[in-house]
Amino acid sequence: MKKLPVLKTAMTPFPCSVARDHKVVGVITDRDMTSARHVHAQSNDRGRLSVSDLYMVDPCIVSLDEPLENILLTMAERHIGSAIVARAGKLVGVFTSVDACRIFGKYLHEHASQPGDDTVA
């Protein structure tokens, strides 16, 4: 795996998928990077870290047509903040907890009771 400078990642969007031979094998989150920076700063090793030092093996990979409720329940069950979305084994996107909050917020906005409506307490 390629060696990366740990401190030069400010513009990298997280989570990042990690692929080998065009197949997703892991994911790197902002928490992984923060932890790596801390550990690296505390160590005497001033060399570079490799992607394999950072990424989470066995990421949550879901099909593009997977029902949203299954993805949300899986993310909650595994205590993870993102799921890799793939079609025929190829990366097509990343679904994050921010995406889930946005979708749920829109749902509540459209379906929740309005001020003055006392049907729900």
N, C-alpha and C. Protein backbone atom coordinates (compact mmCIF):
# COMPACT_ATOMS: atom_id res chain seq x y z
N MET A 1 0.84 -1.17 0.00
CA MET A 1 0.00 0.00 0.00
C MET A 1 0.89 1.24 0.00
N LYS A 2 0.41 2.27 -0.60
CA LYS A 2 1.15 3.51 -0.76
C LYS A 2 1.37 4.21 0.58
N LYS A 3 2.54 4.79 0.77
CA LYS A 3 2.84 5.57 1.96
C LYS A 3 2.29 6.98 1.76
N LEU A 4 1.63 7.52 2.79
CA LEU A 4 1.05 8.85 2.71
C LEU A 4 1.58 9.74 3.82
N PRO A 5 1.80 11.02 3.53
CA PRO A 5 2.16 11.92 4.62
C PRO A 5 0.93 12.13 5.50
N VAL A 6 1.06 11.87 6.78
CA VAL A 6 -0.08 11.89 7.69
C VAL A 6 -0.64 13.29 7.89
N LEU A 7 0.17 14.30 7.88
CA LEU A 7 -0.31 15.63 8.21
C LEU A 7 -0.78 16.43 7.01
N LYS A 8 -0.70 15.89 5.83
CA LYS A 8 -1.12 16.62 4.63
C LYS A 8 -2.45 16.09 4.12
N THR A 9 -3.47 16.10 4.97
CA THR A 9 -4.76 15.54 4.58
C THR A 9 -5.91 16.50 4.82
N ALA A 10 -5.64 17.77 5.05
CA ALA A 10 -6.69 18.71 5.40
C ALA A 10 -7.78 18.80 4.34
N MET A 11 -7.46 18.59 3.08
CA MET A 11 -8.45 18.72 2.03
C MET A 11 -9.07 17.38 1.63
N THR A 12 -8.71 16.31 2.30
CA THR A 12 -9.24 14.99 1.96
C THR A 12 -10.63 14.83 2.57
N PRO A 13 -11.62 14.48 1.76
CA PRO A 13 -12.95 14.24 2.33
C PRO A 13 -12.96 12.90 3.04
N PHE A 14 -13.65 12.83 4.16
CA PHE A 14 -13.76 11.57 4.89
C PHE A 14 -15.21 11.18 4.94
N PRO A 15 -15.53 9.93 4.99
CA PRO A 15 -14.61 8.80 4.93
C PRO A 15 -14.07 8.57 3.51
N CYS A 16 -12.90 7.96 3.45
CA CYS A 16 -12.27 7.61 2.18
C CYS A 16 -12.30 6.10 2.03
N SER A 17 -12.63 5.65 0.86
CA SER A 17 -12.59 4.20 0.63
C SER A 17 -11.18 3.81 0.23
N VAL A 18 -10.81 2.59 0.57
CA VAL A 18 -9.50 2.04 0.22
C VAL A 18 -9.76 0.87 -0.71
N ALA A 19 -9.12 0.91 -1.87
CA ALA A 19 -9.34 -0.15 -2.86
C ALA A 19 -8.03 -0.84 -3.22
N ARG A 20 -8.15 -2.11 -3.54
CA ARG A 20 -7.03 -2.90 -4.05
C ARG A 20 -7.55 -3.64 -5.27
N ASP A 21 -6.89 -3.47 -6.39
CA ASP A 21 -7.33 -4.09 -7.65
C ASP A 21 -8.78 -3.73 -7.96
N HIS A 22 -9.12 -2.47 -7.76
CA HIS A 22 -10.45 -1.93 -8.06
C HIS A 22 -11.56 -2.50 -7.19
N LYS A 23 -11.21 -3.13 -6.08
CA LYS A 23 -12.20 -3.66 -5.15
C LYS A 23 -12.03 -2.97 -3.81
N VAL A 24 -13.13 -2.48 -3.23
CA VAL A 24 -13.07 -1.81 -1.93
C VAL A 24 -12.70 -2.83 -0.86
N VAL A 25 -11.65 -2.52 -0.11
CA VAL A 25 -11.19 -3.43 0.95
C VAL A 25 -11.24 -2.78 2.33
N GLY A 26 -11.48 -1.49 2.38
CA GLY A 26 -11.51 -0.81 3.66
C GLY A 26 -11.95 0.62 3.54
N VAL A 27 -11.94 1.31 4.67
CA VAL A 27 -12.32 2.71 4.72
C VAL A 27 -11.47 3.41 5.77
N ILE A 28 -11.14 4.66 5.51
CA ILE A 28 -10.43 5.50 6.48
C ILE A 28 -11.37 6.63 6.86
N THR A 29 -11.56 6.81 8.15
CA THR A 29 -12.45 7.86 8.65
C THR A 29 -11.63 9.01 9.22
N ASP A 30 -12.30 10.12 9.49
CA ASP A 30 -11.61 11.24 10.12
C ASP A 30 -11.10 10.85 11.50
N ARG A 31 -11.82 9.97 12.18
CA ARG A 31 -11.38 9.50 13.50
C ARG A 31 -10.08 8.69 13.37
N ASP A 32 -9.99 7.88 12.32
CA ASP A 32 -8.75 7.12 12.07
C ASP A 32 -7.58 8.09 11.87
N MET A 33 -7.81 9.14 11.10
CA MET A 33 -6.74 10.11 10.83
C MET A 33 -6.34 10.87 12.09
N THR A 34 -7.32 11.28 12.88
CA THR A 34 -7.02 11.99 14.13
C THR A 34 -6.20 11.11 15.06
N SER A 35 -6.61 9.87 15.19
CA SER A 35 -5.89 8.92 16.04
C SER A 35 -4.47 8.69 15.52
N ALA A 36 -4.34 8.53 14.21
CA ALA A 36 -3.01 8.30 13.61
C ALA A 36 -2.10 9.50 13.83
N ARG A 37 -2.65 10.70 13.66
CA ARG A 37 -1.84 11.91 13.88
C ARG A 37 -1.33 11.96 15.32
N HIS A 38 -2.22 11.64 16.25
CA HIS A 38 -1.84 11.68 17.67
C HIS A 38 -0.75 10.66 17.99
N VAL A 39 -0.98 9.42 17.55
CA VAL A 39 0.00 8.36 17.81
C VAL A 39 1.32 8.68 17.13
N HIS A 40 1.25 9.16 15.90
CA HIS A 40 2.46 9.48 15.14
C HIS A 40 3.23 10.62 15.82
N ALA A 41 2.51 11.62 16.33
CA ALA A 41 3.16 12.75 17.00
C ALA A 41 3.84 12.31 18.30
N GLN A 42 3.30 11.29 18.96
CA GLN A 42 3.85 10.81 20.23
C GLN A 42 5.02 9.84 20.05
N SER A 43 5.15 9.30 18.86
CA SER A 43 6.20 8.31 18.64
C SER A 43 7.49 8.98 18.17
N ASN A 44 8.55 8.25 18.25
CA ASN A 44 9.84 8.74 17.76
C ASN A 44 10.01 8.48 16.27
N ASP A 45 9.09 7.72 15.69
CA ASP A 45 9.16 7.40 14.26
C ASP A 45 8.64 8.57 13.46
N ARG A 46 9.48 9.21 12.72
CA ARG A 46 9.08 10.37 11.91
C ARG A 46 8.87 9.98 10.45
N GLY A 47 8.81 8.68 10.17
CA GLY A 47 8.55 8.22 8.81
C GLY A 47 7.09 8.38 8.47
N ARG A 48 6.76 7.98 7.29
CA ARG A 48 5.38 8.06 6.83
C ARG A 48 4.61 6.81 7.22
N LEU A 49 3.32 6.98 7.35
CA LEU A 49 2.43 5.85 7.60
C LEU A 49 1.87 5.39 6.26
N SER A 50 1.55 4.13 6.17
CA SER A 50 0.93 3.64 4.95
C SER A 50 -0.58 3.58 5.15
N VAL A 51 -1.30 3.51 4.06
CA VAL A 51 -2.75 3.38 4.12
C VAL A 51 -3.12 2.15 4.95
N SER A 52 -2.35 1.09 4.80
CA SER A 52 -2.65 -0.14 5.55
C SER A 52 -2.48 0.04 7.05
N ASP A 53 -1.76 1.07 7.47
CA ASP A 53 -1.65 1.37 8.90
C ASP A 53 -2.92 2.03 9.43
N LEU A 54 -3.73 2.57 8.56
CA LEU A 54 -4.86 3.40 8.97
C LEU A 54 -6.24 2.80 8.74
N TYR A 55 -6.42 2.08 7.66
CA TYR A 55 -7.79 1.78 7.27
C TYR A 55 -8.46 0.70 8.10
N MET A 56 -9.79 0.83 8.18
CA MET A 56 -10.63 -0.14 8.87
C MET A 56 -10.95 -1.27 7.91
N VAL A 57 -10.55 -2.46 8.29
CA VAL A 57 -10.83 -3.65 7.47
C VAL A 57 -12.29 -4.03 7.66
N ASP A 58 -12.85 -4.70 6.67
CA ASP A 58 -14.24 -5.15 6.72
C ASP A 58 -15.22 -3.99 6.86
N PRO A 59 -15.16 -3.05 5.92
CA PRO A 59 -16.11 -1.93 5.98
C PRO A 59 -17.52 -2.41 5.65
N CYS A 60 -18.47 -1.59 5.97
CA CYS A 60 -19.86 -1.88 5.62
C CYS A 60 -20.04 -1.52 4.16
N ILE A 61 -20.23 -2.52 3.32
CA ILE A 61 -20.43 -2.30 1.88
C ILE A 61 -21.84 -2.73 1.55
N VAL A 62 -22.59 -1.83 0.95
CA VAL A 62 -23.99 -2.11 0.62
C VAL A 62 -24.21 -1.92 -0.87
N SER A 63 -25.22 -2.61 -1.36
CA SER A 63 -25.60 -2.50 -2.76
C SER A 63 -26.35 -1.19 -2.98
N LEU A 64 -26.25 -0.67 -4.18
CA LEU A 64 -26.93 0.56 -4.54
C LEU A 64 -28.44 0.46 -4.34
N ASP A 65 -29.00 -0.74 -4.47
CA ASP A 65 -30.45 -0.91 -4.33
C ASP A 65 -30.86 -1.44 -2.95
N GLU A 66 -29.95 -1.44 -1.99
CA GLU A 66 -30.27 -1.88 -0.63
C GLU A 66 -31.27 -0.91 0.00
N PRO A 67 -32.33 -1.42 0.64
CA PRO A 67 -33.30 -0.52 1.30
C PRO A 67 -32.62 0.31 2.39
N LEU A 68 -32.99 1.59 2.44
CA LEU A 68 -32.38 2.52 3.38
C LEU A 68 -32.48 2.05 4.82
N GLU A 69 -33.63 1.48 5.20
CA GLU A 69 -33.78 1.05 6.60
C GLU A 69 -32.75 -0.03 6.96
N ASN A 70 -32.40 -0.90 6.01
CA ASN A 70 -31.39 -1.93 6.28
C ASN A 70 -30.01 -1.28 6.51
N ILE A 71 -29.70 -0.29 5.70
CA ILE A 71 -28.41 0.40 5.84
C ILE A 71 -28.34 1.11 7.18
N LEU A 72 -29.39 1.83 7.55
CA LEU A 72 -29.41 2.56 8.82
C LEU A 72 -29.28 1.61 10.01
N LEU A 73 -30.03 0.50 9.98
CA LEU A 73 -29.97 -0.45 11.08
C LEU A 73 -28.59 -1.11 11.18
N THR A 74 -27.99 -1.41 10.05
CA THR A 74 -26.65 -2.00 10.04
C THR A 74 -25.62 -1.02 10.59
N MET A 75 -25.70 0.24 10.17
CA MET A 75 -24.76 1.24 10.67
C MET A 75 -24.91 1.40 12.19
N ALA A 76 -26.14 1.43 12.68
CA ALA A 76 -26.38 1.56 14.12
C ALA A 76 -25.87 0.34 14.87
N GLU A 77 -26.17 -0.84 14.33
CA GLU A 77 -25.74 -2.09 14.95
C GLU A 77 -24.21 -2.19 15.06
N ARG A 78 -23.52 -1.75 14.02
CA ARG A 78 -22.06 -1.82 14.00
C ARG A 78 -21.38 -0.59 14.59
N HIS A 79 -22.17 0.40 15.00
CA HIS A 79 -21.64 1.65 15.57
C HIS A 79 -20.65 2.32 14.62
N ILE A 80 -21.08 2.47 13.37
CA ILE A 80 -20.22 3.08 12.36
C ILE A 80 -20.92 4.29 11.75
N GLY A 81 -20.15 5.18 11.19
CA GLY A 81 -20.70 6.42 10.65
C GLY A 81 -20.85 6.46 9.15
N SER A 82 -20.51 5.36 8.48
CA SER A 82 -20.63 5.38 7.03
C SER A 82 -20.75 3.97 6.47
N ALA A 83 -21.30 3.92 5.26
CA ALA A 83 -21.39 2.67 4.51
C ALA A 83 -20.92 2.95 3.08
N ILE A 84 -20.11 2.06 2.57
CA ILE A 84 -19.64 2.17 1.19
C ILE A 84 -20.76 1.63 0.29
N VAL A 85 -21.11 2.39 -0.73
CA VAL A 85 -22.17 1.98 -1.66
C VAL A 85 -21.50 1.50 -2.95
N ALA A 86 -21.86 0.28 -3.37
CA ALA A 86 -21.23 -0.32 -4.55
C ALA A 86 -22.27 -0.88 -5.50
N ARG A 87 -21.88 -0.94 -6.77
CA ARG A 87 -22.68 -1.60 -7.79
C ARG A 87 -21.74 -2.56 -8.51
N ALA A 88 -22.08 -3.83 -8.49
CA ALA A 88 -21.25 -4.87 -9.12
C ALA A 88 -19.82 -4.81 -8.61
N GLY A 89 -19.67 -4.56 -7.30
CA GLY A 89 -18.35 -4.54 -6.69
C GLY A 89 -17.56 -3.26 -6.90
N LYS A 90 -18.11 -2.31 -7.63
CA LYS A 90 -17.42 -1.04 -7.90
C LYS A 90 -18.01 0.07 -7.03
N LEU A 91 -17.15 0.88 -6.48
CA LEU A 91 -17.56 2.00 -5.64
C LEU A 91 -18.40 3.00 -6.43
N VAL A 92 -19.56 3.36 -5.87
CA VAL A 92 -20.37 4.41 -6.49
C VAL A 92 -20.62 5.56 -5.53
N GLY A 93 -20.33 5.36 -4.24
CA GLY A 93 -20.53 6.44 -3.28
C GLY A 93 -20.33 5.99 -1.86
N VAL A 94 -20.51 6.95 -0.96
CA VAL A 94 -20.41 6.69 0.48
C VAL A 94 -21.64 7.31 1.13
N PHE A 95 -22.36 6.51 1.90
CA PHE A 95 -23.51 6.99 2.65
C PHE A 95 -23.06 7.21 4.08
N THR A 96 -23.23 8.43 4.59
CA THR A 96 -22.73 8.76 5.93
C THR A 96 -23.87 9.06 6.90
N SER A 97 -23.52 9.16 8.17
CA SER A 97 -24.51 9.51 9.19
C SER A 97 -25.06 10.92 8.93
N VAL A 98 -24.27 11.79 8.32
CA VAL A 98 -24.77 13.12 7.96
C VAL A 98 -25.86 13.00 6.91
N ASP A 99 -25.67 12.10 5.94
CA ASP A 99 -26.71 11.85 4.94
C ASP A 99 -27.98 11.35 5.63
N ALA A 100 -27.83 10.46 6.58
CA ALA A 100 -28.99 9.91 7.30
C ALA A 100 -29.72 11.02 8.06
N CYS A 101 -28.98 11.90 8.71
CA CYS A 101 -29.60 13.01 9.45
C CYS A 101 -30.34 13.94 8.50
N ARG A 102 -29.75 14.23 7.35
CA ARG A 102 -30.38 15.11 6.37
C ARG A 102 -31.69 14.50 5.89
N ILE A 103 -31.67 13.20 5.56
CA ILE A 103 -32.87 12.53 5.07
C ILE A 103 -33.95 12.50 6.16
N PHE A 104 -33.56 12.19 7.38
CA PHE A 104 -34.53 12.12 8.48
C PHE A 104 -35.08 13.51 8.79
N GLY A 105 -34.22 14.52 8.76
CA GLY A 105 -34.67 15.89 8.98
C GLY A 105 -35.71 16.32 7.96
N LYS A 106 -35.47 16.01 6.69
CA LYS A 106 -36.44 16.33 5.64
C LYS A 106 -37.74 15.57 5.86
N TYR A 107 -37.63 14.31 6.24
CA TYR A 107 -38.82 13.51 6.52
C TYR A 107 -39.64 14.13 7.64
N LEU A 108 -38.98 14.49 8.74
CA LEU A 108 -39.69 15.10 9.87
C LEU A 108 -40.32 16.43 9.47
N HIS A 109 -39.60 17.19 8.69
CA HIS A 109 -40.12 18.49 8.24
C HIS A 109 -41.40 18.30 7.44
N GLU A 110 -41.44 17.27 6.63
CA GLU A 110 -42.60 17.02 5.78
C GLU A 110 -43.74 16.31 6.51
N HIS A 111 -43.42 15.51 7.54
CA HIS A 111 -44.45 14.67 8.15
C HIS A 111 -44.77 14.98 9.62
N ALA A 112 -43.95 15.77 10.27
CA ALA A 112 -44.16 16.04 11.70
C ALA A 112 -45.32 17.02 11.86
N SER A 113 -45.90 17.00 13.04
CA SER A 113 -47.00 17.91 13.32
C SER A 113 -46.51 19.36 13.30
N GLN A 114 -47.38 20.24 12.93
CA GLN A 114 -47.07 21.66 12.86
C GLN A 114 -47.38 22.32 14.20
N PRO A 115 -46.80 23.50 14.46
CA PRO A 115 -47.14 24.23 15.71
C PRO A 115 -48.64 24.42 15.82
N GLY A 116 -49.16 24.20 17.01
CA GLY A 116 -50.60 24.31 17.23
C GLY A 116 -51.34 22.99 17.05
N ASP A 117 -50.68 22.00 16.45
CA ASP A 117 -51.29 20.69 16.28
C ASP A 117 -50.97 19.86 17.51
N ASP A 118 -52.00 19.57 18.31
CA ASP A 118 -51.77 18.85 19.56
C ASP A 118 -52.10 17.36 19.46
N THR A 119 -52.04 16.81 18.27
CA THR A 119 -52.33 15.38 18.12
C THR A 119 -51.18 14.52 18.62
N VAL A 120 -49.98 15.08 18.67
CA VAL A 120 -48.81 14.36 19.19
C VAL A 120 -48.26 15.17 20.35
N ALA A 121 -48.11 14.53 21.48
CA ALA A 121 -47.60 15.24 22.65
C ALA A 121 -46.17 14.89 22.90
